[in-house]
N, C-alpha and C. Protein backbone atom coordinates (compact mmCIF):
# COMPACT_ATOMS: atom_id res chain seq x y z
N MET A 1 -40.57 -14.89 -57.36
CA MET A 1 -39.58 -15.83 -56.86
C MET A 1 -38.30 -15.09 -56.49
N THR A 2 -37.66 -15.54 -55.42
CA THR A 2 -36.41 -14.94 -54.96
C THR A 2 -35.29 -15.96 -55.06
N THR A 3 -34.15 -15.52 -55.54
CA THR A 3 -32.96 -16.37 -55.64
C THR A 3 -31.79 -15.63 -55.03
N LEU A 4 -31.05 -16.31 -54.15
CA LEU A 4 -29.83 -15.76 -53.59
C LEU A 4 -28.68 -16.07 -54.55
N LEU A 5 -27.93 -15.05 -54.92
CA LEU A 5 -26.80 -15.22 -55.83
C LEU A 5 -25.50 -15.23 -55.04
N ASP A 6 -24.72 -16.28 -55.23
CA ASP A 6 -23.40 -16.37 -54.62
C ASP A 6 -22.43 -15.46 -55.38
N THR A 7 -21.33 -15.16 -54.75
CA THR A 7 -20.29 -14.34 -55.38
C THR A 7 -19.87 -14.92 -56.72
N SER A 8 -19.75 -16.23 -56.80
CA SER A 8 -19.31 -16.87 -58.04
C SER A 8 -20.28 -16.60 -59.19
N ALA A 9 -21.57 -16.51 -58.89
CA ALA A 9 -22.56 -16.20 -59.93
C ALA A 9 -22.40 -14.75 -60.39
N TRP A 10 -22.18 -13.84 -59.44
CA TRP A 10 -21.97 -12.44 -59.80
C TRP A 10 -20.71 -12.28 -60.65
N VAL A 11 -19.66 -13.01 -60.32
CA VAL A 11 -18.42 -12.91 -61.09
C VAL A 11 -18.65 -13.38 -62.52
N GLU A 12 -19.39 -14.46 -62.69
CA GLU A 12 -19.73 -14.93 -64.04
C GLU A 12 -20.46 -13.84 -64.82
N TYR A 13 -21.40 -13.19 -64.16
CA TYR A 13 -22.19 -12.12 -64.79
C TYR A 13 -21.31 -10.91 -65.11
N LEU A 14 -20.52 -10.48 -64.14
CA LEU A 14 -19.70 -9.27 -64.33
C LEU A 14 -18.62 -9.46 -65.39
N ARG A 15 -18.13 -10.67 -65.52
CA ARG A 15 -17.12 -10.97 -66.54
C ARG A 15 -17.74 -11.35 -67.88
N ALA A 16 -19.07 -11.44 -67.91
CA ALA A 16 -19.79 -11.81 -69.13
C ALA A 16 -19.17 -13.04 -69.77
N THR A 17 -19.08 -14.11 -68.99
CA THR A 17 -18.39 -15.31 -69.44
C THR A 17 -19.15 -16.10 -70.50
N GLY A 18 -20.46 -15.87 -70.59
CA GLY A 18 -21.27 -16.64 -71.53
C GLY A 18 -21.70 -17.99 -70.98
N SER A 19 -21.32 -18.29 -69.75
CA SER A 19 -21.69 -19.56 -69.12
C SER A 19 -23.19 -19.61 -68.85
N GLU A 20 -23.68 -20.80 -68.50
CA GLU A 20 -25.09 -20.93 -68.15
C GLU A 20 -25.44 -20.05 -66.96
N VAL A 21 -24.54 -19.99 -65.98
CA VAL A 21 -24.79 -19.15 -64.80
C VAL A 21 -24.83 -17.68 -65.20
N ASN A 22 -23.91 -17.25 -66.05
CA ASN A 22 -23.90 -15.87 -66.55
C ASN A 22 -25.24 -15.54 -67.22
N ARG A 23 -25.70 -16.43 -68.08
CA ARG A 23 -26.97 -16.19 -68.78
C ARG A 23 -28.15 -16.18 -67.81
N ALA A 24 -28.11 -17.03 -66.79
CA ALA A 24 -29.19 -17.05 -65.80
C ALA A 24 -29.24 -15.75 -65.01
N VAL A 25 -28.09 -15.25 -64.59
CA VAL A 25 -28.06 -13.97 -63.85
C VAL A 25 -28.53 -12.84 -64.76
N ARG A 26 -28.05 -12.81 -65.99
CA ARG A 26 -28.46 -11.77 -66.94
C ARG A 26 -29.98 -11.78 -67.11
N SER A 27 -30.56 -12.96 -67.19
CA SER A 27 -32.00 -13.08 -67.33
C SER A 27 -32.72 -12.56 -66.09
N MET A 28 -32.19 -12.91 -64.91
CA MET A 28 -32.82 -12.45 -63.65
C MET A 28 -32.74 -10.94 -63.52
N VAL A 29 -31.58 -10.38 -63.87
CA VAL A 29 -31.40 -8.93 -63.76
C VAL A 29 -32.40 -8.20 -64.66
N GLY A 30 -32.70 -8.79 -65.81
CA GLY A 30 -33.60 -8.14 -66.76
C GLY A 30 -35.05 -8.52 -66.64
N THR A 31 -35.41 -9.33 -65.63
CA THR A 31 -36.78 -9.80 -65.50
C THR A 31 -37.50 -9.13 -64.34
N GLN A 32 -38.62 -8.53 -64.63
CA GLN A 32 -39.46 -7.98 -63.57
C GLN A 32 -40.11 -9.15 -62.84
N GLY A 33 -40.26 -9.03 -61.55
CA GLY A 33 -40.93 -10.06 -60.79
C GLY A 33 -40.00 -11.12 -60.25
N HIS A 34 -38.74 -11.08 -60.63
CA HIS A 34 -37.77 -12.03 -60.08
C HIS A 34 -36.86 -11.26 -59.13
N ALA A 35 -36.97 -11.57 -57.84
CA ALA A 35 -36.16 -10.87 -56.85
C ALA A 35 -34.80 -11.54 -56.72
N ILE A 36 -33.77 -10.74 -56.89
CA ILE A 36 -32.41 -11.22 -56.69
C ILE A 36 -32.00 -10.81 -55.29
N ALA A 37 -31.52 -11.79 -54.54
CA ALA A 37 -31.12 -11.53 -53.16
C ALA A 37 -29.60 -11.61 -53.04
N THR A 38 -29.09 -10.90 -52.05
CA THR A 38 -27.68 -10.95 -51.70
C THR A 38 -27.58 -11.04 -50.19
N THR A 39 -26.38 -11.24 -49.72
CA THR A 39 -26.13 -11.27 -48.28
C THR A 39 -24.81 -10.56 -48.00
N ASP A 40 -24.59 -10.22 -46.75
CA ASP A 40 -23.42 -9.43 -46.39
C ASP A 40 -22.11 -10.11 -46.79
N VAL A 41 -22.05 -11.42 -46.72
CA VAL A 41 -20.83 -12.14 -47.09
C VAL A 41 -20.52 -11.94 -48.57
N VAL A 42 -21.53 -12.02 -49.41
CA VAL A 42 -21.35 -11.83 -50.85
C VAL A 42 -20.90 -10.40 -51.14
N ILE A 43 -21.52 -9.44 -50.49
CA ILE A 43 -21.14 -8.03 -50.69
C ILE A 43 -19.67 -7.83 -50.31
N MET A 44 -19.26 -8.39 -49.19
CA MET A 44 -17.87 -8.26 -48.75
C MET A 44 -16.92 -8.85 -49.78
N GLU A 45 -17.25 -10.04 -50.29
CA GLU A 45 -16.38 -10.67 -51.28
C GLU A 45 -16.31 -9.87 -52.57
N LEU A 46 -17.44 -9.37 -53.03
CA LEU A 46 -17.44 -8.58 -54.27
C LEU A 46 -16.66 -7.29 -54.11
N LEU A 47 -16.90 -6.57 -53.00
CA LEU A 47 -16.20 -5.30 -52.79
C LEU A 47 -14.69 -5.52 -52.62
N SER A 48 -14.32 -6.66 -52.06
CA SER A 48 -12.90 -6.98 -51.88
C SER A 48 -12.19 -7.09 -53.23
N GLY A 49 -12.93 -7.49 -54.25
CA GLY A 49 -12.33 -7.66 -55.57
C GLY A 49 -12.36 -6.42 -56.44
N ALA A 50 -12.94 -5.32 -55.95
CA ALA A 50 -13.01 -4.09 -56.75
C ALA A 50 -11.61 -3.53 -56.96
N LYS A 51 -11.31 -3.19 -58.22
CA LYS A 51 -9.96 -2.72 -58.53
C LYS A 51 -9.76 -1.23 -58.21
N ASP A 52 -10.86 -0.48 -58.14
CA ASP A 52 -10.74 0.94 -57.82
C ASP A 52 -12.09 1.44 -57.28
N SER A 53 -12.13 2.71 -56.91
CA SER A 53 -13.34 3.26 -56.30
C SER A 53 -14.50 3.34 -57.29
N GLU A 54 -14.21 3.51 -58.56
CA GLU A 54 -15.28 3.54 -59.56
C GLU A 54 -15.96 2.17 -59.65
N GLN A 55 -15.17 1.13 -59.73
CA GLN A 55 -15.74 -0.22 -59.79
C GLN A 55 -16.47 -0.55 -58.49
N ARG A 56 -15.92 -0.12 -57.37
CA ARG A 56 -16.57 -0.32 -56.07
C ARG A 56 -17.95 0.34 -56.07
N GLY A 57 -18.04 1.55 -56.59
CA GLY A 57 -19.32 2.25 -56.67
C GLY A 57 -20.33 1.52 -57.54
N LYS A 58 -19.87 0.96 -58.65
CA LYS A 58 -20.76 0.21 -59.53
C LYS A 58 -21.25 -1.06 -58.86
N LEU A 59 -20.36 -1.71 -58.11
CA LEU A 59 -20.77 -2.92 -57.39
C LEU A 59 -21.80 -2.59 -56.31
N TRP A 60 -21.58 -1.48 -55.59
CA TRP A 60 -22.55 -1.06 -54.58
C TRP A 60 -23.90 -0.77 -55.23
N ALA A 61 -23.90 -0.10 -56.36
CA ALA A 61 -25.15 0.21 -57.05
C ALA A 61 -25.87 -1.09 -57.44
N LEU A 62 -25.13 -2.06 -57.90
CA LEU A 62 -25.72 -3.35 -58.27
C LEU A 62 -26.29 -4.06 -57.04
N MET A 63 -25.55 -4.05 -55.95
CA MET A 63 -26.00 -4.72 -54.72
C MET A 63 -27.20 -4.01 -54.11
N ASN A 64 -27.28 -2.71 -54.28
CA ASN A 64 -28.42 -1.96 -53.74
C ASN A 64 -29.72 -2.27 -54.46
N ARG A 65 -29.65 -2.92 -55.62
CA ARG A 65 -30.86 -3.33 -56.34
C ARG A 65 -31.38 -4.67 -55.83
N CYS A 66 -30.62 -5.32 -54.96
CA CYS A 66 -30.96 -6.66 -54.48
C CYS A 66 -31.71 -6.62 -53.15
N LEU A 67 -32.44 -7.67 -52.90
CA LEU A 67 -33.06 -7.89 -51.60
C LEU A 67 -31.96 -8.34 -50.64
N MET A 68 -31.83 -7.69 -49.52
CA MET A 68 -30.77 -8.02 -48.56
C MET A 68 -31.24 -9.10 -47.60
N LEU A 69 -30.50 -10.20 -47.55
CA LEU A 69 -30.75 -11.28 -46.61
C LEU A 69 -29.50 -11.40 -45.72
N PRO A 70 -29.44 -10.60 -44.64
CA PRO A 70 -28.22 -10.60 -43.82
C PRO A 70 -28.04 -11.89 -43.04
N THR A 71 -26.78 -12.20 -42.75
CA THR A 71 -26.53 -13.32 -41.87
C THR A 71 -27.09 -12.98 -40.49
N ARG A 72 -27.59 -14.01 -39.83
CA ARG A 72 -28.10 -13.84 -38.47
C ARG A 72 -26.98 -14.18 -37.51
N PRO A 73 -26.59 -13.21 -36.68
CA PRO A 73 -25.46 -13.44 -35.77
C PRO A 73 -25.62 -14.75 -34.98
N LEU A 74 -24.56 -15.46 -34.92
CA LEU A 74 -24.41 -16.74 -34.25
C LEU A 74 -25.23 -17.86 -34.88
N PHE A 75 -26.50 -17.64 -35.17
CA PHE A 75 -27.33 -18.72 -35.69
C PHE A 75 -26.80 -19.23 -37.02
N ASP A 76 -26.60 -18.35 -38.00
CA ASP A 76 -26.10 -18.79 -39.30
C ASP A 76 -24.68 -19.33 -39.20
N TYR A 77 -23.90 -18.83 -38.27
CA TYR A 77 -22.55 -19.34 -38.07
C TYR A 77 -22.59 -20.76 -37.51
N GLU A 78 -23.54 -21.01 -36.62
CA GLU A 78 -23.71 -22.36 -36.08
C GLU A 78 -24.15 -23.32 -37.19
N VAL A 79 -25.07 -22.88 -38.04
CA VAL A 79 -25.51 -23.69 -39.17
C VAL A 79 -24.34 -23.96 -40.11
N ALA A 80 -23.53 -22.94 -40.38
CA ALA A 80 -22.37 -23.11 -41.25
C ALA A 80 -21.40 -24.13 -40.66
N ALA A 81 -21.18 -24.08 -39.36
CA ALA A 81 -20.29 -25.04 -38.71
C ALA A 81 -20.85 -26.46 -38.83
N GLU A 82 -22.16 -26.60 -38.68
CA GLU A 82 -22.79 -27.92 -38.83
C GLU A 82 -22.65 -28.40 -40.27
N LEU A 83 -22.81 -27.51 -41.24
CA LEU A 83 -22.62 -27.88 -42.64
C LEU A 83 -21.19 -28.37 -42.88
N PHE A 84 -20.24 -27.68 -42.27
CA PHE A 84 -18.84 -28.09 -42.42
C PHE A 84 -18.64 -29.51 -41.88
N ARG A 85 -19.20 -29.77 -40.70
CA ARG A 85 -19.07 -31.10 -40.10
C ARG A 85 -19.70 -32.18 -41.00
N ARG A 86 -20.88 -31.88 -41.53
CA ARG A 86 -21.54 -32.84 -42.42
C ARG A 86 -20.72 -33.10 -43.67
N CYS A 87 -20.16 -32.04 -44.23
CA CYS A 87 -19.33 -32.20 -45.43
C CYS A 87 -18.12 -33.07 -45.12
N ARG A 88 -17.46 -32.80 -44.01
CA ARG A 88 -16.28 -33.60 -43.62
C ARG A 88 -16.66 -35.06 -43.42
N GLN A 89 -17.81 -35.29 -42.80
CA GLN A 89 -18.27 -36.67 -42.59
C GLN A 89 -18.54 -37.36 -43.93
N ALA A 90 -18.94 -36.58 -44.93
CA ALA A 90 -19.21 -37.13 -46.26
C ALA A 90 -17.93 -37.27 -47.09
N GLY A 91 -16.80 -36.83 -46.54
CA GLY A 91 -15.53 -37.06 -47.22
C GLY A 91 -14.97 -35.90 -48.01
N PHE A 92 -15.49 -34.71 -47.84
CA PHE A 92 -14.90 -33.57 -48.54
C PHE A 92 -14.85 -32.35 -47.62
N THR A 93 -13.91 -31.47 -47.91
CA THR A 93 -13.75 -30.24 -47.13
C THR A 93 -14.05 -29.05 -48.03
N PRO A 94 -15.09 -28.25 -47.70
CA PRO A 94 -15.39 -27.06 -48.51
C PRO A 94 -14.17 -26.13 -48.56
N ALA A 95 -14.02 -25.45 -49.68
CA ALA A 95 -12.85 -24.60 -49.92
C ALA A 95 -12.78 -23.41 -48.96
N ASN A 96 -13.93 -22.83 -48.60
CA ASN A 96 -13.86 -21.70 -47.68
C ASN A 96 -15.14 -21.56 -46.85
N GLY A 97 -14.97 -20.93 -45.70
CA GLY A 97 -16.09 -20.74 -44.77
C GLY A 97 -17.16 -19.80 -45.29
N SER A 98 -16.78 -18.89 -46.18
CA SER A 98 -17.77 -17.96 -46.72
C SER A 98 -18.88 -18.70 -47.46
N ASP A 99 -18.51 -19.74 -48.20
CA ASP A 99 -19.52 -20.53 -48.91
C ASP A 99 -20.50 -21.16 -47.94
N LEU A 100 -19.99 -21.62 -46.82
CA LEU A 100 -20.85 -22.24 -45.81
C LEU A 100 -21.82 -21.22 -45.22
N LEU A 101 -21.37 -19.99 -45.02
CA LEU A 101 -22.26 -18.94 -44.51
C LEU A 101 -23.33 -18.58 -45.54
N VAL A 102 -22.94 -18.48 -46.80
CA VAL A 102 -23.92 -18.18 -47.85
C VAL A 102 -24.96 -19.30 -47.92
N ALA A 103 -24.50 -20.54 -47.83
CA ALA A 103 -25.42 -21.68 -47.83
C ALA A 103 -26.35 -21.63 -46.63
N ALA A 104 -25.82 -21.27 -45.46
CA ALA A 104 -26.64 -21.18 -44.25
C ALA A 104 -27.74 -20.13 -44.41
N VAL A 105 -27.41 -19.01 -45.03
CA VAL A 105 -28.42 -17.97 -45.26
C VAL A 105 -29.50 -18.49 -46.20
N ALA A 106 -29.10 -19.12 -47.29
CA ALA A 106 -30.08 -19.66 -48.25
C ALA A 106 -31.00 -20.68 -47.58
N ILE A 107 -30.41 -21.56 -46.79
CA ILE A 107 -31.21 -22.57 -46.08
C ILE A 107 -32.16 -21.89 -45.10
N GLY A 108 -31.64 -20.97 -44.32
CA GLY A 108 -32.45 -20.29 -43.30
C GLY A 108 -33.60 -19.48 -43.87
N LYS A 109 -33.38 -18.89 -45.02
CA LYS A 109 -34.42 -18.08 -45.66
C LYS A 109 -35.29 -18.89 -46.61
N GLY A 110 -34.91 -20.13 -46.85
CA GLY A 110 -35.71 -21.00 -47.72
C GLY A 110 -35.72 -20.58 -49.17
N VAL A 111 -34.58 -20.03 -49.62
CA VAL A 111 -34.49 -19.59 -51.02
C VAL A 111 -33.44 -20.42 -51.74
N PRO A 112 -33.62 -20.62 -53.05
CA PRO A 112 -32.59 -21.33 -53.81
C PRO A 112 -31.36 -20.45 -54.00
N LEU A 113 -30.23 -21.11 -54.19
CA LEU A 113 -28.95 -20.43 -54.37
C LEU A 113 -28.45 -20.69 -55.79
N LEU A 114 -28.01 -19.63 -56.44
CA LEU A 114 -27.39 -19.75 -57.75
C LEU A 114 -25.89 -19.51 -57.58
N ALA A 115 -25.10 -20.48 -58.04
CA ALA A 115 -23.65 -20.37 -57.88
C ALA A 115 -22.95 -21.05 -59.06
N ALA A 116 -21.71 -20.66 -59.26
CA ALA A 116 -20.84 -21.30 -60.25
C ALA A 116 -19.67 -21.93 -59.51
N ASP A 117 -19.99 -22.62 -58.43
CA ASP A 117 -18.98 -23.19 -57.54
C ASP A 117 -19.46 -24.59 -57.16
N SER A 118 -18.71 -25.59 -57.55
CA SER A 118 -19.14 -26.98 -57.32
C SER A 118 -19.22 -27.36 -55.85
N ASP A 119 -18.57 -26.60 -54.97
CA ASP A 119 -18.70 -26.91 -53.55
C ASP A 119 -20.15 -26.85 -53.09
N PHE A 120 -20.94 -25.98 -53.70
CA PHE A 120 -22.34 -25.87 -53.28
C PHE A 120 -23.13 -27.13 -53.63
N GLU A 121 -22.77 -27.81 -54.70
CA GLU A 121 -23.43 -29.08 -55.02
C GLU A 121 -23.15 -30.10 -53.92
N ARG A 122 -21.93 -30.11 -53.44
CA ARG A 122 -21.57 -31.02 -52.36
C ARG A 122 -22.26 -30.64 -51.06
N ILE A 123 -22.33 -29.35 -50.77
CA ILE A 123 -23.03 -28.90 -49.56
C ILE A 123 -24.51 -29.29 -49.65
N ALA A 124 -25.09 -29.12 -50.82
CA ALA A 124 -26.51 -29.48 -51.02
C ALA A 124 -26.74 -30.97 -50.81
N SER A 125 -25.74 -31.78 -51.14
CA SER A 125 -25.90 -33.24 -51.01
C SER A 125 -25.99 -33.70 -49.56
N VAL A 126 -25.57 -32.85 -48.62
CA VAL A 126 -25.61 -33.23 -47.20
C VAL A 126 -26.51 -32.32 -46.38
N SER A 127 -27.34 -31.53 -47.08
CA SER A 127 -28.18 -30.56 -46.37
C SER A 127 -29.47 -30.30 -47.15
N SER A 128 -30.24 -29.35 -46.64
CA SER A 128 -31.47 -28.96 -47.33
C SER A 128 -31.26 -27.78 -48.27
N LEU A 129 -30.02 -27.45 -48.59
CA LEU A 129 -29.72 -26.36 -49.53
C LEU A 129 -30.33 -26.69 -50.88
N ARG A 130 -31.10 -25.74 -51.42
CA ARG A 130 -31.67 -25.88 -52.76
C ARG A 130 -30.85 -25.04 -53.73
N LEU A 131 -30.45 -25.64 -54.82
CA LEU A 131 -29.71 -24.92 -55.84
C LEU A 131 -30.66 -24.50 -56.96
N ALA A 132 -30.49 -23.27 -57.43
CA ALA A 132 -31.32 -22.76 -58.52
C ALA A 132 -30.94 -23.46 -59.81
N ALA A 133 -31.93 -23.78 -60.59
CA ALA A 133 -31.69 -24.40 -61.88
C ALA A 133 -31.18 -23.36 -62.86
N VAL A 134 -30.26 -23.79 -63.73
CA VAL A 134 -29.75 -22.87 -64.77
C VAL A 134 -30.18 -23.38 -66.13
């Protein structure tokens, strides 16, 4: 099974918060046969938060262990824009466009998304986004 991890899930894991999402990521990292996926948007967000080159290197090493699901130029952006419109029609505005792109990748690849961000629950309510159980 493959699961796409959002930046928020990685942050829970890296900070060892003890949350359900943190424990789920820890379990996935330590389980053979469970493919953890990432995407370019998540990598960009994680690397942006690196405090120094050593931490950046550790983040790259962690991301290199993941299955890469890159955004598809224009197509995933169009899907993200449609998700934004659906969310607005449902009465809420997602906090940032990056979440919409991550959701578009998960939908396009047909994989569940693990996140510690409630916006994804709202996006899932207006789309075919599947959220990973924790």
